[in-house]
PDB file of N, CA and C in Angstrom:
ATOM      1  N   MET A   1     -10.901 -17.360   9.097  1.00  0.00           N
ATOM      2  CA  MET A   1     -12.048 -18.195   8.741  1.00  0.00           C
ATOM      3  C   MET A   1     -11.801 -19.526   9.310  1.00  0.00           C
ATOM      4  N   SER A   2     -12.861 -20.083   9.957  1.00  0.00           N
ATOM      5  CA  SER A   2     -12.768 -21.472  10.422  1.00  0.00           C
ATOM      6  C   SER A   2     -14.108 -22.110  10.300  1.00  0.00           C
ATOM      7  N   GLY A   3     -14.129 -23.347  10.689  1.00  0.00           N
ATOM      8  CA  GLY A   3     -15.415 -24.094  10.663  1.00  0.00           C
ATOM      9  C   GLY A   3     -15.763 -24.619   9.330  1.00  0.00           C
ATOM     10  N   PRO A   4     -17.004 -24.864   9.107  1.00  0.00           N
ATOM     11  CA  PRO A   4     -17.514 -25.585   7.918  1.00  0.00           C
ATOM     12  C   PRO A   4     -17.144 -24.817   6.531  1.00  0.00           C
ATOM     13  N   GLN A   5     -17.172 -23.525   6.591  1.00  0.00           N
ATOM     14  CA  GLN A   5     -16.816 -22.756   5.319  1.00  0.00           C
ATOM     15  C   GLN A   5     -15.337 -22.983   4.965  1.00  0.00           C
ATOM     16  N   GLU A   6     -14.557 -22.905   5.941  1.00  0.00           N
ATOM     17  CA  GLU A   6     -13.087 -23.165   5.697  1.00  0.00           C
ATOM     18  C   GLU A   6     -12.857 -24.554   5.167  1.00  0.00           C
ATOM     19  N   LEU A   7     -13.515 -25.551   5.753  1.00  0.00           N
ATOM     20  CA  LEU A   7     -13.370 -26.915   5.315  1.00  0.00           C
ATOM     21  C   LEU A   7     -13.821 -27.082   3.951  1.00  0.00           C
ATOM     22  N   LEU A   8     -15.020 -26.424   3.541  1.00  0.00           N
ATOM     23  CA  LEU A   8     -15.460 -26.532   2.188  1.00  0.00           C
ATOM     24  C   LEU A   8     -14.497 -25.850   1.203  1.00  0.00           C
ATOM     25  N   ARG A   9     -13.894 -24.738   1.570  1.00  0.00           N
ATOM     26  CA  ARG A   9     -12.933 -24.066   0.711  1.00  0.00           C
ATOM     27  C   ARG A   9     -11.742 -24.966   0.483  1.00  0.00           C
ATOM     28  N   ARG A  10     -11.339 -25.593   1.480  1.00  0.00           N
ATOM     29  CA  ARG A  10     -10.132 -26.538   1.337  1.00  0.00           C
ATOM     30  C   ARG A  10     -10.467 -27.740   0.437  1.00  0.00           C
ATOM     31  N   VAL A  11     -11.626 -28.271   0.606  1.00  0.00           N
ATOM     32  CA  VAL A  11     -12.030 -29.447  -0.202  1.00  0.00           C
ATOM     33  C   VAL A  11     -12.290 -29.066  -1.634  1.00  0.00           C
ATOM     34  N   LEU A  12     -13.120 -27.986  -1.859  1.00  0.00           N
ATOM     35  CA  LEU A  12     -13.557 -27.614  -3.142  1.00  0.00           C
ATOM     36  C   LEU A  12     -12.592 -26.688  -3.869  1.00  0.00           C
ATOM     37  N   GLY A  13     -11.736 -26.084  -3.138  1.00  0.00           N
ATOM     38  CA  GLY A  13     -10.841 -25.086  -3.804  1.00  0.00           C
ATOM     39  C   GLY A  13     -11.444 -23.728  -3.836  1.00  0.00           C
ATOM     40  N   PRO A  14     -10.751 -22.744  -4.338  1.00  0.00           N
ATOM     41  CA  PRO A  14     -11.338 -21.393  -4.403  1.00  0.00           C
ATOM     42  C   PRO A  14     -12.441 -21.252  -5.458  1.00  0.00           C
ATOM     43  N   ALA A  15     -13.368 -20.318  -5.225  1.00  0.00           N
ATOM     44  CA  ALA A  15     -14.343 -19.992  -6.173  1.00  0.00           C
ATOM     45  C   ALA A  15     -13.719 -19.099  -7.255  1.00  0.00           C
ATOM     46  N   GLY A  16     -14.072 -19.329  -8.464  1.00  0.00           N
ATOM     47  CA  GLY A  16     -13.569 -18.465  -9.578  1.00  0.00           C
ATOM     48  C   GLY A  16     -12.298 -19.058 -10.154  1.00  0.00           C
ATOM     49  N   ASP A  17     -11.748 -18.357 -11.086  1.00  0.00           N
ATOM     50  CA  ASP A  17     -10.502 -18.720 -11.690  1.00  0.00           C
ATOM     51  C   ASP A  17      -9.342 -18.583 -10.786  1.00  0.00           C
ATOM     52  N   ASP A  18      -8.454 -19.521 -10.741  1.00  0.00           N
ATOM     53  CA  ASP A  18      -7.259 -19.453  -9.883  1.00  0.00           C
ATOM     54  C   ASP A  18      -6.041 -19.415 -10.739  1.00  0.00           C
ATOM     55  N   ALA A  19      -5.185 -18.409 -10.587  1.00  0.00           N
ATOM     56  CA  ALA A  19      -3.985 -18.300 -11.415  1.00  0.00           C
ATOM     57  C   ALA A  19      -2.998 -19.361 -11.120  1.00  0.00           C
ATOM     58  N   GLY A  20      -3.010 -19.951 -10.052  1.00  0.00           N
ATOM     59  CA  GLY A  20      -1.929 -20.923  -9.661  1.00  0.00           C
ATOM     60  C   GLY A  20      -0.726 -20.216  -9.149  1.00  0.00           C
ATOM     61  N   CYS A  21       0.199 -20.977  -8.559  1.00  0.00           N
ATOM     62  CA  CYS A  21       1.377 -20.382  -7.988  1.00  0.00           C
ATOM     63  C   CYS A  21       2.308 -19.755  -9.020  1.00  0.00           C
ATOM     64  N   GLU A  22       2.525 -20.401 -10.169  1.00  0.00           N
ATOM     65  CA  GLU A  22       3.464 -19.914 -11.085  1.00  0.00           C
ATOM     66  C   GLU A  22       3.078 -18.572 -11.677  1.00  0.00           C
ATOM     67  N   ARG A  23       1.852 -18.479 -12.144  1.00  0.00           N
ATOM     68  CA  ARG A  23       1.401 -17.183 -12.649  1.00  0.00           C
ATOM     69  C   ARG A  23       1.389 -16.123 -11.612  1.00  0.00           C
ATOM     70  N   THR A  24       0.952 -16.468 -10.407  1.00  0.00           N
ATOM     71  CA  THR A  24       0.878 -15.529  -9.337  1.00  0.00           C
ATOM     72  C   THR A  24       2.225 -14.898  -9.003  1.00  0.00           C
ATOM     73  N   LEU A  25       3.202 -15.779  -8.942  1.00  0.00           N
ATOM     74  CA  LEU A  25       4.610 -15.272  -8.671  1.00  0.00           C
ATOM     75  C   LEU A  25       5.139 -14.472  -9.868  1.00  0.00           C
ATOM     76  N   GLU A  26       4.716 -14.763 -11.069  1.00  0.00           N
ATOM     77  CA  GLU A  26       5.156 -13.953 -12.217  1.00  0.00           C
ATOM     78  C   GLU A  26       4.712 -12.526 -12.155  1.00  0.00           C
ATOM     79  N   VAL A  27       3.506 -12.334 -11.619  1.00  0.00           N
ATOM     80  CA  VAL A  27       2.924 -10.928 -11.648  1.00  0.00           C
ATOM     81  C   VAL A  27       2.828 -10.374 -10.275  1.00  0.00           C
ATOM     82  N   LEU A  28       3.308 -10.998  -9.222  1.00  0.00           N
ATOM     83  CA  LEU A  28       3.215 -10.543  -7.853  1.00  0.00           C
ATOM     84  C   LEU A  28       3.719  -9.124  -7.666  1.00  0.00           C
ATOM     85  N   ASP A  29       4.799  -8.799  -8.278  1.00  0.00           N
ATOM     86  CA  ASP A  29       5.354  -7.476  -8.080  1.00  0.00           C
ATOM     87  C   ASP A  29       4.420  -6.406  -8.660  1.00  0.00           C
ATOM     88  N   GLU A  30       3.832  -6.690  -9.760  1.00  0.00           N
ATOM     89  CA  GLU A  30       2.881  -5.752 -10.342  1.00  0.00           C
ATOM     90  C   GLU A  30       1.622  -5.572  -9.495  1.00  0.00           C
ATOM     91  N   TYR A  31       1.141  -6.768  -9.000  1.00  0.00           N
ATOM     92  CA  TYR A  31       0.015  -6.831  -8.143  1.00  0.00           C
ATOM     93  C   TYR A  31       0.160  -5.967  -6.921  1.00  0.00           C
ATOM     94  N   VAL A  32       1.287  -6.111  -6.305  1.00  0.00           N
ATOM     95  CA  VAL A  32       1.658  -5.333  -5.048  1.00  0.00           C
ATOM     96  C   VAL A  32       1.774  -3.909  -5.368  1.00  0.00           C
ATOM     97  N   GLU A  33       2.412  -3.539  -6.486  1.00  0.00           N
ATOM     98  CA  GLU A  33       2.559  -2.173  -6.880  1.00  0.00           C
ATOM     99  C   GLU A  33       1.200  -1.464  -7.044  1.00  0.00           C
ATOM    100  N   HIS A  34       0.217  -2.201  -7.639  1.00  0.00           N
ATOM    101  CA  HIS A  34      -1.117  -1.660  -7.795  1.00  0.00           C
ATOM    102  C   HIS A  34      -1.803  -1.468  -6.416  1.00  0.00           C
ATOM    103  N   GLU A  35      -1.636  -2.463  -5.678  1.00  0.00           N
ATOM    104  CA  GLU A  35      -2.248  -2.407  -4.283  1.00  0.00           C
ATOM    105  C   GLU A  35      -1.726  -1.157  -3.518  1.00  0.00           C
ATOM    106  N   LEU A  36      -0.362  -1.015  -3.452  1.00  0.00           N
ATOM    107  CA  LEU A  36       0.203   0.089  -2.695  1.00  0.00           C
ATOM    108  C   LEU A  36      -0.085   1.368  -3.278  1.00  0.00           C
ATOM    109  N   ALA A  37      -0.417   1.488  -4.555  1.00  0.00           N
ATOM    110  CA  ALA A  37      -0.759   2.744  -5.232  1.00  0.00           C
ATOM    111  C   ALA A  37      -2.230   3.047  -5.081  1.00  0.00           C
ATOM    112  N   GLY A  38      -3.002   2.135  -4.386  1.00  0.00           N
ATOM    113  CA  GLY A  38      -4.388   2.427  -4.112  1.00  0.00           C
ATOM    114  C   GLY A  38      -5.322   1.948  -5.238  1.00  0.00           C
ATOM    115  N   ARG A  39      -4.769   1.262  -6.220  1.00  0.00           N
ATOM    116  CA  ARG A  39      -5.581   0.732  -7.286  1.00  0.00           C
ATOM    117  C   ARG A  39      -6.083  -0.683  -6.880  1.00  0.00           C
ATOM    118  N   SER A  40      -7.173  -1.087  -7.490  1.00  0.00           N
ATOM    119  CA  SER A  40      -7.741  -2.408  -7.173  1.00  0.00           C
ATOM    120  C   SER A  40      -6.965  -3.542  -7.930  1.00  0.00           C
ATOM    121  N   ALA A  41      -5.956  -4.079  -7.252  1.00  0.00           N
ATOM    122  CA  ALA A  41      -5.156  -5.188  -7.827  1.00  0.00           C
ATOM    123  C   ALA A  41      -6.091  -6.386  -8.115  1.00  0.00           C
ATOM    124  N   ALA A  42      -7.025  -6.553  -7.190  1.00  0.00           N
ATOM    125  CA  ALA A  42      -7.933  -7.738  -7.344  1.00  0.00           C
ATOM    126  C   ALA A  42      -8.779  -7.585  -8.628  1.00  0.00           C
ATOM    127  N   ALA A  43      -9.173  -6.350  -8.985  1.00  0.00           N
ATOM    128  CA  ALA A  43      -9.971  -6.142 -10.179  1.00  0.00           C
ATOM    129  C   ALA A  43      -9.183  -6.329 -11.397  1.00  0.00           C
ATOM    130  N   LEU A  44      -7.861  -5.894 -11.362  1.00  0.00           N
ATOM    131  CA  LEU A  44      -6.953  -6.074 -12.477  1.00  0.00           C
ATOM    132  C   LEU A  44      -6.500  -7.510 -12.674  1.00  0.00           C
ATOM    133  N   TYR A  45      -6.359  -8.195 -11.575  1.00  0.00           N
ATOM    134  CA  TYR A  45      -5.855  -9.584 -11.563  1.00  0.00           C
ATOM    135  C   TYR A  45      -6.771 -10.519 -10.720  1.00  0.00           C
ATOM    136  N   PRO A  46      -8.019 -10.732 -11.191  1.00  0.00           N
ATOM    137  CA  PRO A  46      -8.907 -11.476 -10.299  1.00  0.00           C
ATOM    138  C   PRO A  46      -8.523 -12.875 -10.133  1.00  0.00           C
ATOM    139  N   ASP A  47      -7.787 -13.559 -11.048  1.00  0.00           N
ATOM    140  CA  ASP A  47      -7.300 -14.883 -10.902  1.00  0.00           C
ATOM    141  C   ASP A  47      -6.274 -14.969  -9.897  1.00  0.00           C
ATOM    142  N   VAL A  48      -5.408 -13.900  -9.799  1.00  0.00           N
ATOM    143  CA  VAL A  48      -4.308 -13.854  -8.801  1.00  0.00           C
ATOM    144  C   VAL A  48      -4.891 -13.584  -7.388  1.00  0.00           C
ATOM    145  N   ALA A  49      -5.920 -12.693  -7.287  1.00  0.00           N
ATOM    146  CA  ALA A  49      -6.550 -12.442  -6.035  1.00  0.00           C
ATOM    147  C   ALA A  49      -7.171 -13.702  -5.469  1.00  0.00           C
ATOM    148  N   THR A  50      -7.802 -14.461  -6.389  1.00  0.00           N
ATOM    149  CA  THR A  50      -8.414 -15.769  -5.929  1.00  0.00           C
ATOM    150  C   THR A  50      -7.354 -16.707  -5.443  1.00  0.00           C
ATOM    151  N   HIS A  51      -6.296 -16.759  -6.138  1.00  0.00           N
ATOM    152  CA  HIS A  51      -5.192 -17.611  -5.711  1.00  0.00           C
ATOM    153  C   HIS A  51      -4.543 -17.189  -4.347  1.00  0.00           C
ATOM    154  N   LEU A  52      -4.349 -15.892  -4.233  1.00  0.00           N
ATOM    155  CA  LEU A  52      -3.751 -15.366  -2.990  1.00  0.00           C
ATOM    156  C   LEU A  52      -4.659 -15.667  -1.745  1.00  0.00           C
ATOM    157  N   ALA A  53      -5.994 -15.694  -1.980  1.00  0.00           N
ATOM    158  CA  ALA A  53      -6.922 -15.913  -0.863  1.00  0.00           C
ATOM    159  C   ALA A  53      -6.889 -17.426  -0.453  1.00  0.00           C
ATOM    160  N   ALA A  54      -6.440 -18.251  -1.421  1.00  0.00           N
ATOM    161  CA  ALA A  54      -6.518 -19.708  -1.155  1.00  0.00           C
ATOM    162  C   ALA A  54      -5.162 -20.362  -0.856  1.00  0.00           C
ATOM    163  N   CYS A  55      -4.049 -19.732  -1.179  1.00  0.00           N
ATOM    164  CA  CYS A  55      -2.763 -20.311  -1.084  1.00  0.00           C
ATOM    165  C   CYS A  55      -1.972 -19.640   0.083  1.00  0.00           C
ATOM    166  N   PRO A  56      -1.756 -20.225   1.181  1.00  0.00           N
ATOM    167  CA  PRO A  56      -1.043 -19.538   2.233  1.00  0.00           C
ATOM    168  C   PRO A  56       0.323 -19.184   1.851  1.00  0.00           C
ATOM    169  N   ASP A  57       1.103 -19.992   1.089  1.00  0.00           N
ATOM    170  CA  ASP A  57       2.460 -19.720   0.705  1.00  0.00           C
ATOM    171  C   ASP A  57       2.549 -18.493  -0.186  1.00  0.00           C
ATOM    172  N   CYS A  58       1.695 -18.343  -1.173  1.00  0.00           N
ATOM    173  CA  CYS A  58       1.739 -17.205  -2.019  1.00  0.00           C
ATOM    174  C   CYS A  58       1.260 -16.009  -1.213  1.00  0.00           C
ATOM    175  N   GLY A  59       0.320 -16.166  -0.348  1.00  0.00           N
ATOM    176  CA  GLY A  59      -0.169 -15.034   0.470  1.00  0.00           C
ATOM    177  C   GLY A  59       0.999 -14.537   1.391  1.00  0.00           C
ATOM    178  N   GLN A  60       1.824 -15.401   1.912  1.00  0.00           N
ATOM    179  CA  GLN A  60       2.963 -14.982   2.714  1.00  0.00           C
ATOM    180  C   GLN A  60       4.022 -14.254   1.781  1.00  0.00           C
ATOM    181  N   ASP A  61       4.224 -14.759   0.605  1.00  0.00           N
ATOM    182  CA  ASP A  61       5.117 -14.048  -0.312  1.00  0.00           C
ATOM    183  C   ASP A  61       4.548 -12.633  -0.662  1.00  0.00           C
ATOM    184  N   ARG A  62       3.260 -12.472  -0.808  1.00  0.00           N
ATOM    185  CA  ARG A  62       2.715 -11.204  -1.036  1.00  0.00           C
ATOM    186  C   ARG A  62       2.921 -10.258   0.183  1.00  0.00           C
ATOM    187  N   ASP A  63       2.649 -10.734   1.317  1.00  0.00           N
ATOM    188  CA  ASP A  63       2.888  -9.962   2.569  1.00  0.00           C
ATOM    189  C   ASP A  63       4.381  -9.530   2.723  1.00  0.00           C
ATOM    190  N   ALA A  64       5.304 -10.465   2.400  1.00  0.00           N
ATOM    191  CA  ALA A  64       6.702 -10.173   2.533  1.00  0.00           C
ATOM    192  C   ALA A  64       7.025  -9.038   1.494  1.00  0.00           C
ATOM    193  N   LEU A  65       6.546  -9.191   0.297  1.00  0.00           N
ATOM    194  CA  LEU A  65       6.866  -8.214  -0.734  1.00  0.00           C
ATOM    195  C   LEU A  65       6.266  -6.866  -0.367  1.00  0.00           C
ATOM    196  N   VAL A  66       5.102  -6.783   0.175  1.00  0.00           N
ATOM    197  CA  VAL A  66       4.534  -5.497   0.565  1.00  0.00           C
ATOM    198  C   VAL A  66       5.414  -4.882   1.690  1.00  0.00           C
ATOM    199  N   GLU A  67       5.830  -5.702   2.580  1.00  0.00           N
ATOM    200  CA  GLU A  67       6.689  -5.178   3.699  1.00  0.00           C
ATOM    201  C   GLU A  67       7.995  -4.680   3.138  1.00  0.00           C
ATOM    202  N   LEU A  68       8.644  -5.380   2.222  1.00  0.00           N
ATOM    203  CA  LEU A  68       9.919  -5.068   1.633  1.00  0.00           C
ATOM    204  C   LEU A  68       9.783  -3.715   0.858  1.00  0.00           C
ATOM    205  N   VAL A  69       8.673  -3.558   0.112  1.00  0.00           N
ATOM    206  CA  VAL A  69       8.486  -2.221  -0.647  1.00  0.00           C
ATOM    207  C   VAL A  69       8.297  -1.122   0.327  1.00  0.00           C
ATOM    208  N   ARG A  70       7.499  -1.340   1.363  1.00  0.00           N
ATOM    209  CA  ARG A  70       7.309  -0.295   2.362  1.00  0.00           C
ATOM    210  C   ARG A  70       8.635   0.092   3.025  1.00  0.00           C
ATOM    211  N   LEU A  71       9.469  -0.840   3.392  1.00  0.00           N
ATOM    212  CA  LEU A  71      10.728  -0.558   4.007  1.00  0.00           C
ATOM    213  C   LEU A  71      11.614   0.205   3.057  1.00  0.00           C
ATOM    214  N   ARG A  72      11.628  -0.186   1.800  1.00  0.00           N
ATOM    215  CA  ARG A  72      12.391   0.492   0.784  1.00  0.00           C
ATOM    216  C   ARG A  72      11.968   1.974   0.620  1.00  0.00           C
ATOM    217  N   GLU A  73      10.647   2.171   0.649  1.00  0.00           N
ATOM    218  CA  GLU A  73      10.153   3.518   0.507  1.00  0.00           C
ATOM    219  C   GLU A  73      10.489   4.401   1.692  1.00  0.00           C
ATOM    220  N   MET A  74      10.669   3.806   2.849  1.00  0.00           N
ATOM    221  CA  MET A  74      11.022   4.575   4.077  1.00  0.00           C
ATOM    222  C   MET A  74      12.486   4.864   4.081  1.00  0.00           C
ATOM    223  N   GLY A  75      13.319   4.065   3.482  1.00  0.00           N
ATOM    224  CA  GLY A  75      14.726   4.248   3.589  1.00  0.00           C
ATOM    225  C   GLY A  75      15.266   5.056   2.467  1.00  0.00           C
TER     226      GLY A  75
END
């Protein structure tokens, strides 16, 4: 996403409730487990989904955890 909408998101913050980094990291393992099991983690944790969409650092943590779980399942 780029342009005016990205600028507005940065200035105004995410729409909806935002869990913040601390809560997101507390439940990230559960969130990822639900995602990988095909359940809607965003529906179960809407505040975390909102935060992950807005926070690049937490989004990277989520991506790394997904990759780690997938590698573990393969090995």
